[in-house]
Amino acid sequence: MKTVLLFLLILYSVTSNSQQTNHYKSYKDLIKPGWEIDTVIYGDLNGDKINDIVLITIETNQEKFVKNDGLGNEILNTNDRNITVLLANKNKTYSIVASNSTFLPSPQSEESPCLEDPLYNKSIFIKNNLLKINLHYWLSCGSWYVTNYTYTFRYQNLKLELIGLDCNSFHRASGMEERNSVNFLTKKKQTITGLNMFEKSESKPKEKWETIKIDKLYNLSTVTTDDVLGLVQL
């Protein structure tokens, strides 16, 4: 009898501790030493009409502020960013459903010192229970192209799964534009070429559809940009 009671006590303790580790009263409880808040986004992701939270944090490591002697920014902030998504519980706590420290880009890059911060204002938002992440690639030198990537995540199967990826790229001098859109649910990719954003009357759009090969849906906790950019790269 004592053995049974001891087992039940241990089981309760393990279960209780496990639940507590994924239940937080505030997103501020997740700020690790050496990190600070970048952005906080509120919105309903699971349809329960309660605001969930998307927390973006960034490192504050002074060694990752790199001096740049060439073109571009004089000081490059190469600190990592982390994205964490918390679902709100009815007991006014939050549970982590996704966390990734390799998906979002740093504000600047040593490889592309002329690149402005891809995570510009209001580039992450929640709409119609979907999480949208927009990454904007604009370089002050080295390229005439401006490229926007929009990742669409939906909460399903207890994960934030990537269901769509859109890419829009145009040439700043000629105005030539190309659009690519991947639907991971239907496994279809749409490509539109022959567009001109400066001279719309001269546009001669051509549309192409093709099937993509994927075995399973990517999710926000594990996906990297390298996993999927090949599907829409121009």
Protein backbone atom coordinates (compact mmCIF):
# COMPACT_ATOMS: atom_id res chain seq x y z
CA MET A 1 0.00 0.00 0.00
CA LYS A 2 2.83 2.39 0.86
CA THR A 3 4.47 1.60 -2.48
CA VAL A 4 1.26 2.48 -4.34
CA LEU A 5 0.85 5.74 -2.43
CA LEU A 6 4.47 6.67 -3.09
CA PHE A 7 4.03 5.96 -6.80
CA LEU A 8 0.88 8.11 -6.96
CA LEU A 9 2.63 10.93 -5.13
CA ILE A 10 5.57 10.87 -7.55
CA LEU A 11 3.22 10.70 -10.54
CA TYR A 12 1.24 13.70 -9.27
CA SER A 13 4.42 15.65 -8.64
CA VAL A 14 5.82 14.95 -12.13
CA THR A 15 2.50 15.77 -13.81
CA SER A 16 2.08 18.95 -11.79
CA ASN A 17 5.60 20.16 -12.52
CA SER A 18 5.19 19.33 -16.21
CA GLN A 19 2.00 21.38 -16.41
CA GLN A 20 3.55 24.31 -14.57
CA THR A 21 6.53 24.50 -16.90
CA ASN A 22 4.20 25.25 -19.83
CA HIS A 23 1.79 27.55 -18.00
CA TYR A 24 2.82 31.18 -17.62
CA LYS A 25 1.01 34.11 -16.05
CA SER A 26 2.72 36.59 -18.37
CA TYR A 27 4.84 36.54 -21.50
CA LYS A 28 7.39 38.53 -19.49
CA ASP A 29 8.19 35.31 -17.62
CA LEU A 30 9.82 34.05 -20.83
CA ILE A 31 12.40 36.82 -21.19
CA LYS A 32 15.78 35.15 -20.71
CA PRO A 33 18.88 36.94 -19.39
CA GLY A 34 20.69 38.60 -22.28
CA TRP A 35 17.48 39.05 -24.27
CA GLU A 36 14.87 41.81 -24.52
CA ILE A 37 11.42 42.29 -26.02
CA ASP A 38 11.38 43.21 -29.70
CA THR A 39 7.64 43.01 -30.48
CA VAL A 40 4.45 41.70 -28.88
CA ILE A 41 1.42 40.85 -31.03
CA TYR A 42 -2.05 40.00 -29.78
CA GLY A 43 -4.80 38.09 -31.60
CA ASP A 44 -6.98 34.99 -31.57
CA LEU A 45 -5.26 31.99 -33.16
CA ASN A 46 -7.48 29.07 -32.09
CA GLY A 47 -10.94 30.57 -32.46
CA ASP A 48 -11.85 30.78 -28.78
CA LYS A 49 -12.23 34.59 -28.97
CA ILE A 50 -9.43 35.10 -26.43
CA ASN A 51 -6.31 37.00 -27.42
CA ASP A 52 -3.24 34.83 -27.80
CA ILE A 53 0.28 36.26 -27.87
CA VAL A 54 3.17 36.25 -30.33
CA LEU A 55 6.36 37.30 -28.58
CA ILE A 56 9.45 38.37 -30.50
CA THR A 57 12.62 38.71 -28.44
CA ILE A 58 16.13 39.66 -29.50
CA GLU A 59 19.59 39.09 -28.04
CA THR A 60 21.50 41.99 -26.55
CA ASN A 61 24.98 40.54 -26.98
CA GLN A 62 27.35 43.48 -27.52
CA GLU A 63 29.81 41.22 -29.35
CA LYS A 64 27.22 40.75 -32.10
CA PHE A 65 27.19 44.48 -32.89
CA VAL A 66 29.78 44.30 -35.66
CA LYS A 67 31.64 47.26 -37.16
CA ASN A 68 31.28 47.52 -40.94
CA ASP A 69 33.96 49.37 -42.90
CA GLY A 70 32.29 49.01 -46.29
CA LEU A 71 28.98 50.08 -47.80
CA GLY A 72 25.86 49.83 -45.70
CA ASN A 73 25.28 50.41 -42.01
CA GLU A 74 28.33 51.40 -39.96
CA ILE A 75 27.33 49.03 -37.17
CA LEU A 76 25.60 45.72 -37.94
CA ASN A 77 23.31 44.24 -35.33
CA THR A 78 23.63 40.51 -35.93
CA ASN A 79 21.91 39.41 -32.72
CA ASP A 80 19.50 36.50 -33.02
CA ARG A 81 15.74 36.81 -32.78
CA ASN A 82 13.33 34.32 -31.22
CA ILE A 83 9.63 33.94 -31.90
CA THR A 84 7.40 32.32 -29.27
CA VAL A 85 3.65 31.81 -29.62
CA LEU A 86 1.51 31.44 -26.52
CA LEU A 87 -2.12 30.33 -26.46
CA ALA A 88 -4.30 31.87 -23.76
CA ASN A 89 -5.97 29.48 -21.32
CA LYS A 90 -9.31 30.09 -19.62
CA ASN A 91 -7.55 30.30 -16.24
CA LYS A 92 -5.67 33.41 -17.44
CA THR A 93 -2.39 31.60 -18.04
CA TYR A 94 -0.55 30.99 -21.29
CA SER A 95 0.86 27.84 -22.90
CA ILE A 96 3.68 27.74 -25.44
CA VAL A 97 2.66 26.16 -28.77
CA ALA A 98 5.68 27.23 -30.83
CA SER A 99 9.16 28.61 -30.29
CA ASN A 100 11.93 29.11 -32.83
CA SER A 101 15.23 30.98 -32.61
CA THR A 102 16.42 30.28 -36.17
CA PHE A 103 13.45 31.36 -38.31
CA LEU A 104 13.44 35.14 -38.02
CA PRO A 105 16.40 37.07 -39.43
CA SER A 106 18.71 39.33 -37.46
CA PRO A 107 18.30 43.09 -37.96
CA GLN A 108 21.45 43.20 -40.11
CA SER A 109 23.77 40.73 -41.78
CA GLU A 110 27.53 40.62 -42.32
CA GLU A 111 26.96 38.77 -45.60
CA SER A 112 24.65 41.56 -46.85
CA PRO A 113 25.65 44.77 -45.02
CA CYS A 114 23.40 46.88 -47.26
CA LEU A 115 20.31 44.90 -46.27
CA GLU A 116 17.81 46.77 -44.13
CA ASP A 117 16.04 44.97 -41.29
CA PRO A 118 13.68 42.48 -43.00
CA LEU A 119 11.32 42.61 -40.02
CA TYR A 120 9.85 46.03 -40.67
CA ASN A 121 6.96 47.71 -38.81
CA LYS A 122 3.71 45.69 -38.55
CA SER A 123 5.24 42.81 -40.50
CA ILE A 124 3.83 40.21 -38.11
CA PHE A 125 0.11 40.13 -37.35
CA ILE A 126 -2.85 37.84 -36.67
CA LYS A 127 -5.90 37.98 -38.93
CA ASN A 128 -8.80 35.53 -39.26
CA ASN A 129 -7.07 33.18 -36.79
CA LEU A 130 -3.99 33.05 -39.03
CA LEU A 131 -0.48 34.16 -38.15
CA LYS A 132 1.14 36.17 -40.94
CA ILE A 133 4.88 36.84 -41.01
CA ASN A 134 6.17 39.23 -43.67
CA LEU A 135 9.88 39.48 -44.40
CA HIS A 136 10.90 42.43 -46.56
CA TYR A 137 14.28 42.32 -48.32
CA TRP A 138 15.50 45.73 -49.49
CA LEU A 139 19.15 46.57 -50.07
CA SER A 140 20.57 50.08 -50.32
CA CYS A 141 23.41 48.74 -52.48
CA GLY A 142 24.28 45.58 -54.35
CA SER A 143 20.85 44.77 -55.78
CA TRP A 144 17.99 46.47 -57.59
CA TYR A 145 15.48 43.89 -56.46
CA VAL A 146 12.99 44.21 -53.62
CA THR A 147 11.50 40.94 -52.40
CA ASN A 148 8.68 40.26 -49.96
CA TYR A 149 7.93 36.87 -48.41
CA THR A 150 4.67 36.25 -46.56
CA TYR A 151 4.42 33.10 -44.44
CA THR A 152 0.95 31.99 -43.32
CA PHE A 153 0.63 29.72 -40.28
CA ARG A 154 -2.55 28.14 -38.92
CA TYR A 155 -3.06 26.50 -35.54
CA GLN A 156 -4.02 22.88 -36.23
CA ASN A 157 -2.92 19.46 -35.00
CA LEU A 158 -1.74 21.22 -31.81
CA LYS A 159 0.89 23.07 -33.88
CA LEU A 160 1.27 26.24 -35.91
CA GLU A 161 1.59 24.69 -39.34
CA LEU A 162 2.77 26.50 -42.46
CA ILE A 163 -0.11 26.47 -44.94
CA GLY A 164 0.99 29.18 -47.37
CA LEU A 165 4.01 31.07 -48.65
CA ASP A 166 3.82 34.04 -51.02
CA CYS A 167 6.72 35.77 -52.73
CA ASN A 168 6.60 39.06 -54.62
CA SER A 169 9.75 40.45 -56.22
CA PHE A 170 10.28 43.50 -58.44
CA HIS A 171 13.13 45.41 -60.05
CA ARG A 172 13.35 49.00 -58.79
CA ALA A 173 14.59 50.37 -62.12
CA SER A 174 12.47 48.52 -64.66
CA GLY A 175 9.45 47.74 -62.52
CA MET A 176 9.42 44.13 -63.74
CA GLU A 177 7.60 41.98 -61.22
CA GLU A 178 7.10 38.29 -60.51
CA ARG A 179 4.76 36.63 -58.03
CA ASN A 180 4.89 33.13 -56.59
CA SER A 181 2.39 31.52 -54.25
CA VAL A 182 2.59 28.08 -52.63
CA ASN A 183 -0.40 26.38 -51.00
CA PHE A 184 0.96 23.63 -48.76
CA LEU A 185 -2.50 22.13 -48.23
CA THR A 186 -3.26 21.60 -51.92
CA LYS A 187 0.44 21.18 -52.82
CA LYS A 188 0.06 23.65 -55.66
CA LYS A 189 2.31 26.53 -56.73
CA GLN A 190 1.22 29.51 -58.79
CA THR A 191 3.74 31.63 -60.71
CA ILE A 192 2.83 34.89 -62.46
CA THR A 193 5.41 36.59 -64.70
CA GLY A 194 5.33 39.43 -67.21
CA LEU A 195 4.10 42.06 -64.75
CA ASN A 196 5.29 45.66 -64.55
CA MET A 197 4.34 47.64 -61.48
CA PHE A 198 5.30 51.00 -63.07
CA GLU A 199 3.57 50.49 -66.41
CA LYS A 200 0.57 48.31 -65.72
CA SER A 201 -0.75 48.84 -69.24
CA GLU A 202 2.40 47.20 -70.60
CA SER A 203 2.05 44.15 -68.39
CA LYS A 204 1.60 40.86 -70.18
CA PRO A 205 1.05 38.44 -67.30
CA LYS A 206 1.59 34.74 -67.76
CA GLU A 207 0.26 32.30 -65.19
CA LYS A 208 1.69 28.87 -64.48
CA TRP A 209 0.56 26.17 -62.04
CA GLU A 210 2.58 23.21 -60.87
CA THR A 211 2.51 20.55 -58.16
CA ILE A 212 5.04 20.69 -55.33
CA LYS A 213 6.46 17.67 -53.55
CA ILE A 214 6.17 17.72 -49.77
CA ASP A 215 5.67 14.78 -47.43
CA LYS A 216 4.37 16.70 -44.43
CA LEU A 217 3.51 20.22 -43.33
CA TYR A 218 6.21 22.38 -41.78
CA ASN A 219 5.52 23.94 -38.39
CA LEU A 220 6.76 27.11 -36.75
CA SER A 221 8.77 25.34 -34.05
CA THR A 222 11.10 23.59 -36.48
CA VAL A 223 10.90 25.30 -39.89
CA THR A 224 13.79 27.35 -41.28
CA THR A 225 13.69 29.69 -44.23
CA ASP A 226 16.04 27.36 -46.09
CA ASP A 227 13.45 24.60 -45.83
CA VAL A 228 10.93 26.40 -48.01
CA LEU A 229 12.48 29.32 -49.91
CA GLY A 230 13.57 27.01 -52.72
CA LEU A 231 9.90 26.53 -53.54
CA VAL A 232 9.38 30.20 -54.39
CA GLN A 233 12.89 31.45 -55.17
CA LEU A 234 13.10 33.35 -58.42
